[in-house]
Amino acid sequence: MVGAVIAVPTTEAVVVMGPEMSNQHPTWALAIGCLVVTLALEAAFLVLLGRSTVDVDESGLRVGKVALSASHIGRARPLDAAAARRLLGPGLRADAELSLRPWIKTAVQIEVDDMNNTTPYWVVATRRPSELVAALEFVRYAKAEL
């Protein structure tokens, strides 16, 4: 929808104003070509803008540019769409760390186990919450055994 809001006026501008800027007359092929190119560029931009990496390794959790060390990872619980909606509603704490994507309905809530950190928990949107919880639990218990 956002792409169409930008692409249609762009195409109209090329088709309507283009002839005045050159000696050529607009054609349907030019209009459709401009629309396709504009929508492709917008789609690529939105895909790049919406990317976020979630990495779990022996050092801890990294979501985008933010990291939580393995020694500070507390309990993690998967959230289905309804639970995520409830958690992110009026009960959401303002000091929570959020990494959300509106088109991903499921998430994981990770408690922060650090007395010096004021962040109570993280909420990370993921399409595979059970896999993320399993990876976090593995790292959490591996660090506890050391």
Protein backbone atom coordinates (compact mmCIF):
# COMPACT_ATOMS: atom_id res chain seq x y z
CA MET A 1 0.00 0.00 0.00
CA VAL A 2 2.77 2.42 0.91
CA GLY A 3 4.51 1.59 -2.35
CA ALA A 4 1.40 2.32 -4.39
CA VAL A 5 0.95 5.68 -2.66
CA ILE A 6 4.44 6.67 -3.81
CA ALA A 7 4.61 4.83 -7.13
CA VAL A 8 1.38 6.06 -8.72
CA PRO A 9 2.13 9.80 -8.36
CA THR A 10 5.70 9.16 -9.51
CA THR A 11 4.45 7.40 -12.62
CA GLU A 12 1.92 10.14 -13.28
CA ALA A 13 4.63 12.78 -12.97
CA VAL A 14 6.79 10.98 -15.52
CA VAL A 15 3.91 10.43 -17.92
CA VAL A 16 2.36 13.89 -17.57
CA MET A 17 5.48 16.04 -17.22
CA GLY A 18 7.81 13.90 -19.29
CA PRO A 19 6.55 15.14 -22.69
CA GLU A 20 7.02 18.75 -21.64
CA MET A 21 10.66 18.04 -20.80
CA SER A 22 11.39 16.24 -24.06
CA ASN A 23 10.19 15.99 -27.60
CA GLN A 24 8.77 12.52 -27.11
CA HIS A 25 5.17 11.63 -26.34
CA PRO A 26 4.31 9.35 -23.42
CA THR A 27 3.24 5.80 -24.08
CA TRP A 28 1.56 3.13 -21.99
CA ALA A 29 4.80 1.14 -22.06
CA LEU A 30 6.65 4.10 -20.51
CA ALA A 31 3.99 4.49 -17.81
CA ILE A 32 3.94 0.79 -16.94
CA GLY A 33 7.74 0.60 -17.05
CA CYS A 34 8.07 3.55 -14.66
CA LEU A 35 5.50 2.01 -12.32
CA VAL A 36 7.27 -1.38 -12.28
CA VAL A 37 10.71 0.15 -11.69
CA THR A 38 9.40 2.42 -8.92
CA LEU A 39 7.61 -0.45 -7.15
CA ALA A 40 10.71 -2.67 -7.45
CA LEU A 41 12.94 0.01 -5.93
CA GLU A 42 10.47 0.61 -3.10
CA ALA A 43 10.16 -3.11 -2.39
CA ALA A 44 13.94 -3.47 -2.21
CA PHE A 45 14.17 -0.47 0.11
CA LEU A 46 11.45 -1.80 2.43
CA VAL A 47 13.04 -5.26 2.56
CA LEU A 48 16.40 -3.77 3.49
CA LEU A 49 14.79 -1.43 6.02
CA GLY A 50 12.88 -4.27 7.67
CA ARG A 51 15.80 -6.66 8.08
CA SER A 52 16.93 -7.46 11.57
CA THR A 53 19.37 -10.14 12.62
CA VAL A 54 18.94 -12.22 15.75
CA ASP A 55 22.11 -14.10 16.72
CA VAL A 56 22.63 -16.41 19.68
CA ASP A 57 26.11 -17.73 20.44
CA GLU A 58 28.28 -18.48 23.46
CA SER A 59 28.73 -14.75 24.15
CA GLY A 60 24.97 -14.17 24.39
CA LEU A 61 22.16 -12.63 22.36
CA ARG A 62 22.56 -9.98 19.68
CA VAL A 63 19.54 -8.34 18.07
CA GLY A 64 20.58 -5.83 15.47
CA LYS A 65 23.17 -3.62 17.19
CA VAL A 66 22.08 -4.37 20.77
CA ALA A 67 23.57 -7.24 22.78
CA LEU A 68 22.78 -9.09 25.99
CA SER A 69 25.63 -11.13 27.46
CA ALA A 70 25.05 -14.81 28.17
CA SER A 71 25.54 -14.31 31.91
CA HIS A 72 22.61 -11.85 31.97
CA ILE A 73 20.11 -13.96 30.03
CA GLY A 74 17.24 -14.92 32.31
CA ARG A 75 14.20 -17.04 31.59
CA ALA A 76 12.89 -16.92 28.05
CA ARG A 77 9.35 -17.71 27.04
CA PRO A 78 7.78 -17.96 23.61
CA LEU A 79 4.81 -15.71 22.89
CA ASP A 80 2.11 -16.63 20.43
CA ALA A 81 0.25 -13.82 18.65
CA ALA A 82 -2.32 -13.35 21.44
CA ALA A 83 0.27 -13.40 24.26
CA ALA A 84 2.52 -10.98 22.39
CA ARG A 85 -0.40 -8.62 21.84
CA ARG A 86 -1.27 -8.76 25.56
CA LEU A 87 2.33 -8.20 26.65
CA LEU A 88 2.82 -5.29 24.24
CA GLY A 89 -0.42 -3.63 25.28
CA PRO A 90 -1.06 -1.46 28.34
CA GLY A 91 1.03 -3.75 30.56
CA LEU A 92 4.24 -3.07 28.62
CA ARG A 93 6.99 -1.56 30.69
CA ALA A 94 8.48 1.58 29.22
CA ASP A 95 12.01 0.47 30.07
CA ALA A 96 11.77 -2.85 28.19
CA GLU A 97 14.03 -3.46 25.18
CA LEU A 98 11.93 -4.09 22.06
CA SER A 99 12.86 -5.45 18.67
CA LEU A 100 9.59 -5.73 16.82
CA ARG A 101 8.38 -6.07 13.27
CA PRO A 102 4.66 -5.37 12.80
CA TRP A 103 4.27 -8.17 10.25
CA ILE A 104 5.71 -10.78 12.64
CA LYS A 105 3.05 -11.69 15.19
CA THR A 106 5.01 -14.09 17.43
CA ALA A 107 7.85 -13.14 19.77
CA VAL A 108 10.04 -14.18 22.68
CA GLN A 109 10.22 -12.47 26.06
CA ILE A 110 13.69 -12.68 27.65
CA GLU A 111 14.18 -11.64 31.25
CA VAL A 112 17.34 -9.68 32.03
CA ASP A 113 19.19 -11.19 34.99
CA ASP A 114 21.42 -8.23 35.91
CA MET A 115 21.04 -6.12 39.04
CA ASN A 116 22.92 -3.20 37.42
CA ASN A 117 20.70 -3.11 34.34
CA THR A 118 17.36 -1.30 34.62
CA THR A 119 15.91 -3.14 31.60
CA PRO A 120 13.50 -5.75 32.99
CA TYR A 121 13.11 -7.81 29.82
CA TRP A 122 13.53 -7.91 26.07
CA VAL A 123 10.80 -8.70 23.57
CA VAL A 124 12.13 -9.97 20.24
CA ALA A 125 9.84 -10.62 17.29
CA THR A 126 10.60 -13.91 15.55
CA ARG A 127 8.82 -16.36 13.29
CA ARG A 128 10.39 -19.27 15.20
CA PRO A 129 9.98 -18.49 18.91
CA SER A 130 10.47 -22.04 20.18
CA GLU A 131 13.82 -22.33 18.37
CA LEU A 132 15.02 -19.01 19.81
CA VAL A 133 13.97 -20.07 23.33
CA ALA A 134 15.83 -23.38 22.94
CA ALA A 135 18.99 -21.59 21.80
CA LEU A 136 18.77 -19.11 24.68
CA GLU A 137 18.25 -21.88 27.23
CA PHE A 138 21.24 -23.78 25.84
CA VAL A 139 23.48 -20.71 26.15
CA ARG A 140 22.08 -19.86 29.57
CA TYR A 141 22.76 -23.32 31.02
CA ALA A 142 26.14 -23.64 29.28
CA LYS A 143 27.30 -20.40 30.96
CA ALA A 144 25.90 -21.51 34.32
CA GLU A 145 27.96 -24.72 34.21
CA LEU A 146 31.23 -22.83 33.66
